[in-house]
Amino acid sequence: QVQLVESGGGLLQPGGSLRLSCAASGNIFSFNTMGWYRQAPGKERELVATITSGFREVYADSAKGRFTISRDNAKNTVYLQMNSLKPEDTAVYYCRDLRLDHWGQGTQVTVSS
């Protein structure tokens, strides 16, 4: 059974940095495109970034230049490094295995002064 477990969320001030982690199990992690998505209150879930098995990265415009997605296949983990955070980045962040269309439970990120 595929399981994705996110961690690393929290409350921080504007301009701060945070690294989210998503630990995967039950899938052939290294073969799969993985992604980070987010859902803010009252809004639809949206793509943040994806990374393929070949380490090709794709970012939403809102993430370009501030966020970096990476993966460690030896640890079955995908990361999202977020810098220069803004209040509008406040959301629940979800990890997704795009090949299996499987989601994690999400981790809350709140950016507020």
N, C-alpha and C. Protein backbone atom coordinates (compact mmCIF):
# COMPACT_ATOMS: atom_id res chain seq x y z
N GLN A 1 0.85 -1.19 0.00
CA GLN A 1 0.00 0.00 0.00
C GLN A 1 0.89 1.24 0.00
N VAL A 2 0.59 2.16 -0.91
CA VAL A 2 1.37 3.38 -1.02
C VAL A 2 1.04 4.31 0.13
N GLN A 3 2.09 4.87 0.71
CA GLN A 3 1.89 5.83 1.78
C GLN A 3 2.84 7.00 1.57
N LEU A 4 2.29 8.21 1.67
CA LEU A 4 3.08 9.44 1.57
C LEU A 4 2.85 10.23 2.85
N VAL A 5 3.94 10.56 3.53
CA VAL A 5 3.82 11.25 4.81
C VAL A 5 4.62 12.54 4.75
N GLU A 6 3.90 13.67 4.81
CA GLU A 6 4.55 14.97 4.79
C GLU A 6 4.92 15.41 6.19
N SER A 7 5.96 16.23 6.26
CA SER A 7 6.37 16.82 7.53
C SER A 7 7.10 18.13 7.25
N GLY A 8 7.28 18.93 8.30
CA GLY A 8 8.07 20.15 8.17
C GLY A 8 7.28 21.43 8.15
N GLY A 9 5.97 21.34 8.16
CA GLY A 9 5.16 22.54 8.16
C GLY A 9 5.27 23.30 9.48
N GLY A 10 4.74 24.52 9.48
CA GLY A 10 4.78 25.30 10.71
C GLY A 10 4.33 26.72 10.49
N LEU A 11 4.53 27.51 11.55
CA LEU A 11 4.18 28.93 11.54
C LEU A 11 5.46 29.74 11.50
N LEU A 12 5.53 30.68 10.57
CA LEU A 12 6.72 31.51 10.52
C LEU A 12 6.38 32.87 9.95
N GLN A 13 7.32 33.79 10.11
CA GLN A 13 7.12 35.16 9.67
C GLN A 13 7.46 35.34 8.20
N PRO A 14 6.91 36.36 7.58
CA PRO A 14 7.26 36.64 6.18
C PRO A 14 8.77 36.80 6.00
N GLY A 15 9.26 36.27 4.89
CA GLY A 15 10.68 36.30 4.62
C GLY A 15 11.44 35.09 5.10
N GLY A 16 10.78 34.26 5.87
CA GLY A 16 11.43 33.08 6.43
C GLY A 16 11.53 31.94 5.43
N SER A 17 12.19 30.88 5.90
CA SER A 17 12.40 29.68 5.06
C SER A 17 11.91 28.44 5.79
N LEU A 18 11.56 27.45 4.98
CA LEU A 18 11.04 26.20 5.54
C LEU A 18 11.34 25.09 4.54
N ARG A 19 11.63 23.91 5.05
CA ARG A 19 11.81 22.77 4.17
C ARG A 19 10.78 21.70 4.52
N LEU A 20 9.98 21.35 3.54
CA LEU A 20 9.02 20.27 3.70
C LEU A 20 9.62 18.96 3.20
N SER A 21 9.22 17.88 3.85
CA SER A 21 9.66 16.55 3.43
C SER A 21 8.45 15.67 3.19
N CYS A 22 8.60 14.74 2.27
CA CYS A 22 7.55 13.75 2.00
C CYS A 22 8.23 12.40 1.88
N ALA A 23 7.97 11.54 2.85
CA ALA A 23 8.54 10.20 2.86
C ALA A 23 7.56 9.23 2.22
N ALA A 24 8.03 8.49 1.23
CA ALA A 24 7.17 7.56 0.49
C ALA A 24 7.49 6.12 0.83
N SER A 25 6.47 5.30 0.83
CA SER A 25 6.65 3.87 1.00
C SER A 25 5.59 3.15 0.18
N GLY A 26 5.91 1.92 -0.20
CA GLY A 26 4.94 1.12 -0.93
C GLY A 26 4.89 1.39 -2.42
N ASN A 27 5.75 2.25 -2.91
CA ASN A 27 5.80 2.51 -4.35
C ASN A 27 7.24 2.37 -4.83
N ILE A 28 7.39 2.28 -6.15
CA ILE A 28 8.75 2.24 -6.71
C ILE A 28 9.14 3.70 -6.89
N PHE A 29 9.57 4.29 -5.80
CA PHE A 29 9.72 5.75 -5.72
C PHE A 29 10.57 6.31 -6.84
N SER A 30 11.69 5.69 -7.09
CA SER A 30 12.66 6.27 -8.03
C SER A 30 12.11 6.37 -9.45
N PHE A 31 11.06 5.60 -9.76
CA PHE A 31 10.51 5.61 -11.12
C PHE A 31 9.43 6.68 -11.31
N ASN A 32 8.96 7.25 -10.21
CA ASN A 32 7.76 8.06 -10.28
C ASN A 32 8.02 9.55 -10.22
N THR A 33 7.24 10.30 -11.00
CA THR A 33 7.23 11.75 -10.87
C THR A 33 6.49 12.10 -9.58
N MET A 34 7.13 12.95 -8.80
CA MET A 34 6.56 13.39 -7.52
C MET A 34 6.28 14.88 -7.58
N GLY A 35 5.30 15.31 -6.80
CA GLY A 35 4.96 16.72 -6.83
C GLY A 35 4.52 17.25 -5.49
N TRP A 36 4.60 18.56 -5.38
CA TRP A 36 4.04 19.28 -4.24
C TRP A 36 2.91 20.18 -4.75
N TYR A 37 1.81 20.15 -4.03
CA TYR A 37 0.65 20.97 -4.32
C TYR A 37 0.27 21.71 -3.04
N ARG A 38 -0.58 22.72 -3.16
CA ARG A 38 -1.04 23.41 -1.97
C ARG A 38 -2.49 23.85 -2.15
N GLN A 39 -3.15 24.00 -1.01
CA GLN A 39 -4.53 24.47 -1.01
C GLN A 39 -4.70 25.49 0.09
N ALA A 40 -4.98 26.71 -0.32
CA ALA A 40 -5.24 27.78 0.64
C ALA A 40 -6.72 27.80 0.99
N PRO A 41 -7.07 28.38 2.13
CA PRO A 41 -8.49 28.43 2.54
C PRO A 41 -9.35 29.09 1.47
N GLY A 42 -10.43 28.41 1.10
CA GLY A 42 -11.36 28.96 0.13
C GLY A 42 -10.90 28.89 -1.31
N LYS A 43 -9.76 28.24 -1.55
CA LYS A 43 -9.23 28.14 -2.91
C LYS A 43 -9.06 26.69 -3.32
N GLU A 44 -8.91 26.47 -4.62
CA GLU A 44 -8.70 25.13 -5.13
C GLU A 44 -7.23 24.73 -4.94
N ARG A 45 -7.03 23.43 -4.91
CA ARG A 45 -5.67 22.92 -4.80
C ARG A 45 -4.90 23.26 -6.08
N GLU A 46 -3.65 23.66 -5.92
CA GLU A 46 -2.87 24.07 -7.08
C GLU A 46 -1.47 23.46 -7.05
N LEU A 47 -0.91 23.30 -8.23
CA LEU A 47 0.44 22.77 -8.36
C LEU A 47 1.45 23.78 -7.83
N VAL A 48 2.46 23.28 -7.11
CA VAL A 48 3.60 24.09 -6.71
C VAL A 48 4.82 23.71 -7.54
N ALA A 49 5.15 22.42 -7.55
CA ALA A 49 6.33 21.97 -8.29
C ALA A 49 6.27 20.46 -8.47
N THR A 50 6.92 19.99 -9.52
CA THR A 50 7.06 18.56 -9.73
C THR A 50 8.51 18.22 -10.08
N ILE A 51 8.86 16.96 -9.87
CA ILE A 51 10.19 16.49 -10.23
C ILE A 51 10.07 15.08 -10.78
N THR A 52 10.65 14.85 -11.94
CA THR A 52 10.53 13.54 -12.59
C THR A 52 11.57 12.58 -12.04
N SER A 53 11.48 11.34 -12.51
CA SER A 53 12.47 10.35 -12.13
C SER A 53 13.86 10.74 -12.64
N GLY A 54 13.89 11.53 -13.70
CA GLY A 54 15.15 12.01 -14.24
C GLY A 54 15.57 13.34 -13.67
N PHE A 55 14.90 13.76 -12.59
CA PHE A 55 15.24 14.98 -11.85
C PHE A 55 14.93 16.26 -12.63
N ARG A 56 14.02 16.18 -13.58
CA ARG A 56 13.58 17.39 -14.26
C ARG A 56 12.55 18.09 -13.38
N GLU A 57 12.74 19.36 -13.16
CA GLU A 57 11.90 20.13 -12.27
C GLU A 57 10.98 21.07 -13.05
N VAL A 58 9.76 21.20 -12.56
CA VAL A 58 8.79 22.14 -13.13
C VAL A 58 8.18 22.91 -11.97
N TYR A 59 8.02 24.22 -12.15
CA TYR A 59 7.51 25.07 -11.08
C TYR A 59 6.33 25.91 -11.55
N ALA A 60 5.40 26.15 -10.63
CA ALA A 60 4.39 27.16 -10.86
C ALA A 60 5.05 28.52 -10.83
N ASP A 61 4.45 29.49 -11.50
CA ASP A 61 5.03 30.83 -11.54
C ASP A 61 5.22 31.39 -10.13
N SER A 62 4.30 31.07 -9.24
CA SER A 62 4.37 31.60 -7.88
C SER A 62 5.55 31.04 -7.10
N ALA A 63 6.09 29.92 -7.56
CA ALA A 63 7.19 29.26 -6.86
C ALA A 63 8.56 29.53 -7.47
N LYS A 64 8.58 29.96 -8.70
CA LYS A 64 9.85 30.14 -9.40
C LYS A 64 10.74 31.16 -8.68
N GLY A 65 11.99 30.76 -8.49
CA GLY A 65 12.95 31.65 -7.86
C GLY A 65 12.94 31.64 -6.35
N ARG A 66 11.91 31.06 -5.75
CA ARG A 66 11.83 31.01 -4.28
C ARG A 66 11.82 29.60 -3.74
N PHE A 67 11.21 28.68 -4.47
CA PHE A 67 11.07 27.29 -4.00
C PHE A 67 11.95 26.37 -4.84
N THR A 68 12.43 25.31 -4.21
CA THR A 68 13.21 24.29 -4.90
C THR A 68 12.72 22.91 -4.51
N ILE A 69 12.36 22.13 -5.50
CA ILE A 69 11.97 20.74 -5.25
C ILE A 69 13.18 19.85 -5.50
N SER A 70 13.32 18.82 -4.67
CA SER A 70 14.41 17.88 -4.85
C SER A 70 13.96 16.52 -4.36
N ARG A 71 14.76 15.52 -4.68
CA ARG A 71 14.42 14.17 -4.24
C ARG A 71 15.68 13.40 -3.91
N ASP A 72 15.53 12.48 -2.96
CA ASP A 72 16.60 11.57 -2.57
C ASP A 72 16.04 10.17 -2.73
N ASN A 73 16.39 9.53 -3.83
CA ASN A 73 15.81 8.21 -4.10
C ASN A 73 16.28 7.16 -3.11
N ALA A 74 17.46 7.35 -2.54
CA ALA A 74 17.95 6.39 -1.54
C ALA A 74 17.11 6.43 -0.27
N LYS A 75 16.50 7.58 0.00
CA LYS A 75 15.66 7.75 1.19
C LYS A 75 14.18 7.74 0.86
N ASN A 76 13.83 7.55 -0.43
CA ASN A 76 12.41 7.58 -0.84
C ASN A 76 11.73 8.85 -0.35
N THR A 77 12.40 9.97 -0.51
CA THR A 77 11.89 11.22 0.04
C THR A 77 12.01 12.33 -1.00
N VAL A 78 10.97 13.16 -1.04
CA VAL A 78 10.98 14.35 -1.86
C VAL A 78 10.87 15.56 -0.94
N TYR A 79 11.57 16.61 -1.30
CA TYR A 79 11.64 17.81 -0.47
C TYR A 79 11.12 19.03 -1.21
N LEU A 80 10.70 20.02 -0.44
CA LEU A 80 10.38 21.33 -0.99
C LEU A 80 11.02 22.38 -0.09
N GLN A 81 12.08 23.00 -0.60
CA GLN A 81 12.72 24.09 0.11
C GLN A 81 12.01 25.38 -0.29
N MET A 82 11.51 26.09 0.70
CA MET A 82 10.76 27.32 0.45
C MET A 82 11.48 28.48 1.11
N ASN A 83 11.84 29.46 0.32
CA ASN A 83 12.52 30.65 0.82
C ASN A 83 11.68 31.90 0.54
N SER A 84 12.03 32.97 1.22
CA SER A 84 11.33 34.26 1.03
C SER A 84 9.81 34.08 1.09
N LEU A 85 9.36 33.40 2.10
CA LEU A 85 7.95 33.08 2.20
C LEU A 85 7.11 34.32 2.42
N LYS A 86 5.90 34.28 1.84
CA LYS A 86 4.96 35.39 1.89
C LYS A 86 3.66 34.93 2.55
N PRO A 87 2.87 35.86 3.07
CA PRO A 87 1.58 35.45 3.65
C PRO A 87 0.71 34.67 2.66
N GLU A 88 0.80 34.99 1.38
CA GLU A 88 -0.01 34.28 0.39
C GLU A 88 0.47 32.85 0.13
N ASP A 89 1.59 32.46 0.72
CA ASP A 89 2.03 31.07 0.66
C ASP A 89 1.34 30.20 1.72
N THR A 90 0.58 30.83 2.58
CA THR A 90 -0.14 30.09 3.61
C THR A 90 -1.11 29.10 2.96
N ALA A 91 -0.98 27.84 3.33
CA ALA A 91 -1.80 26.78 2.73
C ALA A 91 -1.46 25.45 3.39
N VAL A 92 -2.27 24.46 3.08
CA VAL A 92 -1.90 23.09 3.38
C VAL A 92 -1.13 22.57 2.15
N TYR A 93 0.04 22.02 2.39
CA TYR A 93 0.90 21.53 1.32
C TYR A 93 0.81 20.01 1.27
N TYR A 94 0.58 19.52 0.06
CA TYR A 94 0.38 18.10 -0.15
C TYR A 94 1.46 17.54 -1.07
N CYS A 95 1.87 16.34 -0.78
CA CYS A 95 2.77 15.58 -1.64
C CYS A 95 1.92 14.64 -2.50
N ARG A 96 2.36 14.43 -3.72
CA ARG A 96 1.60 13.57 -4.64
C ARG A 96 2.55 12.70 -5.46
N ASP A 97 2.20 11.44 -5.58
CA ASP A 97 2.83 10.53 -6.54
C ASP A 97 1.99 10.64 -7.81
N LEU A 98 2.52 11.30 -8.83
CA LEU A 98 1.71 11.57 -10.01
C LEU A 98 1.42 10.31 -10.82
N ARG A 99 2.33 9.36 -10.83
CA ARG A 99 2.08 8.15 -11.63
C ARG A 99 0.94 7.32 -11.02
N LEU A 100 0.92 7.23 -9.69
CA LEU A 100 -0.11 6.45 -9.02
C LEU A 100 -1.30 7.31 -8.61
N ASP A 101 -1.18 8.64 -8.79
CA ASP A 101 -2.22 9.58 -8.36
C ASP A 101 -2.58 9.34 -6.90
N HIS A 102 -1.55 9.30 -6.08
CA HIS A 102 -1.75 9.08 -4.65
C HIS A 102 -1.26 10.31 -3.91
N TRP A 103 -2.01 10.73 -2.86
CA TRP A 103 -1.74 11.95 -2.12
C TRP A 103 -1.38 11.65 -0.66
N GLY A 104 -0.58 12.54 -0.10
CA GLY A 104 -0.35 12.50 1.33
C GLY A 104 -1.47 13.23 2.06
N GLN A 105 -1.33 13.31 3.39
CA GLN A 105 -2.38 13.90 4.20
C GLN A 105 -2.25 15.41 4.33
N GLY A 106 -1.10 15.94 3.96
CA GLY A 106 -0.89 17.37 3.98
C GLY A 106 -0.21 17.86 5.24
N THR A 107 0.47 19.01 5.10
CA THR A 107 1.10 19.67 6.24
C THR A 107 0.83 21.17 6.13
N GLN A 108 0.47 21.78 7.25
CA GLN A 108 0.07 23.19 7.24
C GLN A 108 1.29 24.10 7.28
N VAL A 109 1.28 25.09 6.40
CA VAL A 109 2.28 26.15 6.42
C VAL A 109 1.54 27.47 6.59
N THR A 110 1.90 28.22 7.62
CA THR A 110 1.27 29.50 7.89
C THR A 110 2.35 30.57 7.95
N VAL A 111 2.19 31.59 7.12
CA VAL A 111 3.15 32.69 7.08
C VAL A 111 2.43 33.95 7.54
N SER A 112 2.84 34.45 8.69
CA SER A 112 2.13 35.58 9.28
C SER A 112 3.05 36.34 10.21
N SER A 113 2.86 37.65 10.24
CA SER A 113 3.63 38.46 11.17
C SER A 113 2.85 38.66 12.46
